[in-house]
Amino acid sequence: MSVSTLKPNVTHLTPEEFVQLAEPPQLIDVRSRLEFNLFHAPTAINLSLPRILMIQVPFLCTWLLPKWFWQFSKDQSIAVICLTAHRSPIAAQTLVDAGFTQVFNITGGMIAWKKAGLPTH
């Protein structure tokens, strides 16, 4: 008999589902700093997709990723968002591959967020 280990999957949420969560995950906006500064979700912090991809290169990631990122527990809930949900699924899968167990992708990105009338900064 073989025992298989289930690998965590990315959970997809609409912006409306995300804001209705009793305890929403930490939201990471994976757009560029310029895009983030134009508008972003109120609770989002910025860490661009290219920097998240550095997780895959151990000797680079220690100095390319901010200190706050290293303070996350692998069991901490993290959600990712971009502009149109093209970059965020890549970031979400990279986080799962790095060992994070509770990763959420916001479908439709910030375009869907704004279309839903949710607040931005």
Protein backbone atom coordinates (compact mmCIF):
# COMPACT_ATOMS: atom_id res chain seq x y z
CA MET A 1 0.00 0.00 0.00
CA SER A 2 1.38 3.42 -0.88
CA VAL A 3 0.73 6.53 1.14
CA SER A 4 0.33 9.72 -0.83
CA THR A 5 0.86 13.16 0.55
CA LEU A 6 -1.68 15.70 -0.57
CA LYS A 7 -0.07 18.88 -1.80
CA PRO A 8 -1.90 22.08 -0.90
CA ASN A 9 -3.76 23.75 -3.72
CA VAL A 10 -4.45 27.38 -4.47
CA THR A 11 -7.98 28.47 -3.52
CA HIS A 12 -9.60 30.99 -5.83
CA LEU A 13 -11.77 33.77 -4.39
CA THR A 14 -13.59 36.66 -6.00
CA PRO A 15 -12.85 40.09 -4.52
CA GLU A 16 -16.32 40.06 -2.93
CA GLU A 17 -15.68 36.67 -1.30
CA PHE A 18 -12.32 37.89 0.00
CA VAL A 19 -13.71 40.98 1.74
CA GLN A 20 -16.52 38.94 3.33
CA LEU A 21 -14.11 36.58 5.10
CA ALA A 22 -14.23 36.88 8.89
CA GLU A 23 -10.43 36.64 9.04
CA PRO A 24 -9.08 37.55 5.61
CA PRO A 25 -5.59 36.33 4.68
CA GLN A 26 -2.69 38.74 4.37
CA LEU A 27 -3.15 40.27 0.92
CA ILE A 28 -0.06 40.62 -1.27
CA ASP A 29 -0.33 42.72 -4.42
CA VAL A 30 2.10 41.21 -6.93
CA ARG A 31 2.04 44.13 -9.36
CA SER A 32 4.98 46.50 -9.82
CA ARG A 33 5.54 49.26 -7.26
CA LEU A 34 4.31 51.83 -9.82
CA GLU A 35 1.05 49.93 -10.40
CA PHE A 36 0.60 49.45 -6.65
CA ASN A 37 1.10 53.17 -6.00
CA LEU A 38 -1.61 54.07 -8.53
CA PHE A 39 -4.27 52.18 -6.54
CA HIS A 40 -4.45 49.10 -4.36
CA ALA A 41 -6.67 47.30 -1.87
CA PRO A 42 -6.54 48.95 1.58
CA THR A 43 -4.92 46.01 3.39
CA ALA A 44 -2.54 44.99 0.60
CA ILE A 45 1.22 44.99 0.83
CA ASN A 46 3.35 45.04 -2.29
CA LEU A 47 5.73 42.31 -3.40
CA SER A 48 6.09 42.07 -7.17
CA LEU A 49 5.86 38.78 -9.04
CA PRO A 50 9.52 38.85 -10.13
CA ARG A 51 10.58 39.10 -6.49
CA ILE A 52 8.24 36.27 -5.46
CA LEU A 53 9.72 34.11 -8.21
CA MET A 54 13.11 34.55 -6.51
CA ILE A 55 11.90 32.08 -3.86
CA GLN A 56 12.95 29.45 -6.39
CA VAL A 57 16.58 30.70 -6.30
CA PRO A 58 17.70 30.16 -2.69
CA PHE A 59 20.98 32.09 -2.83
CA LEU A 60 19.18 35.18 -4.21
CA CYS A 61 15.94 35.13 -2.28
CA THR A 62 17.42 35.89 1.12
CA TRP A 63 18.38 39.42 0.11
CA LEU A 64 15.76 40.08 -2.59
CA LEU A 65 12.74 39.40 -0.39
CA PRO A 66 11.84 41.77 2.44
CA LYS A 67 12.27 40.86 6.09
CA TRP A 68 8.50 40.86 6.66
CA PHE A 69 8.12 38.07 4.10
CA TRP A 70 10.50 35.80 6.03
CA GLN A 71 8.42 36.34 9.17
CA PHE A 72 5.40 34.60 7.61
CA SER A 73 4.69 31.12 8.88
CA LYS A 74 4.25 28.52 6.13
CA ASP A 75 0.77 27.96 7.63
CA GLN A 76 -0.21 31.64 7.50
CA SER A 77 -3.05 32.44 5.12
CA ILE A 78 -1.82 34.50 2.18
CA ALA A 79 -3.86 35.90 -0.71
CA VAL A 80 -2.37 37.33 -3.89
CA ILE A 81 -3.80 39.82 -6.34
CA CYS A 82 -2.61 41.56 -9.51
CA LEU A 83 -4.33 43.72 -12.12
CA THR A 84 -6.26 41.12 -14.15
CA ALA A 85 -5.43 37.76 -12.52
CA HIS A 86 -2.70 36.81 -14.98
CA ARG A 87 0.27 37.26 -12.61
CA SER A 88 -1.37 36.30 -9.33
CA PRO A 89 -1.97 32.61 -10.22
CA ILE A 90 1.76 32.29 -10.97
CA ALA A 91 2.63 33.91 -7.65
CA ALA A 92 0.11 31.73 -5.79
CA GLN A 93 1.51 28.52 -7.26
CA THR A 94 5.06 29.65 -6.48
CA LEU A 95 4.07 30.17 -2.84
CA VAL A 96 2.46 26.71 -2.69
CA ASP A 97 5.56 25.19 -4.26
CA ALA A 98 7.65 26.97 -1.60
CA GLY A 99 5.67 25.24 1.13
CA PHE A 100 2.92 27.70 2.02
CA THR A 101 -0.21 25.72 2.85
CA GLN A 102 -3.01 28.33 2.75
CA VAL A 103 -2.73 30.33 -0.47
CA PHE A 104 -5.57 32.21 -2.12
CA ASN A 105 -5.76 33.85 -5.54
CA ILE A 106 -8.10 36.79 -6.06
CA THR A 107 -9.84 36.18 -9.38
CA GLY A 108 -10.25 39.11 -11.73
CA GLY A 109 -7.55 41.10 -9.94
CA MET A 110 -7.80 44.77 -9.12
CA ILE A 111 -9.95 45.37 -12.20
CA ALA A 112 -12.64 43.11 -10.69
CA TRP A 113 -12.00 44.69 -7.27
CA LYS A 114 -12.73 48.18 -8.61
CA LYS A 115 -15.65 46.93 -10.75
CA ALA A 116 -17.21 45.50 -7.57
CA GLY A 117 -17.01 48.97 -6.01
CA LEU A 118 -14.63 47.89 -3.26
CA PRO A 119 -12.42 50.55 -1.66
CA THR A 120 -8.92 51.32 -2.90
CA HIS A 121 -6.09 53.53 -1.74
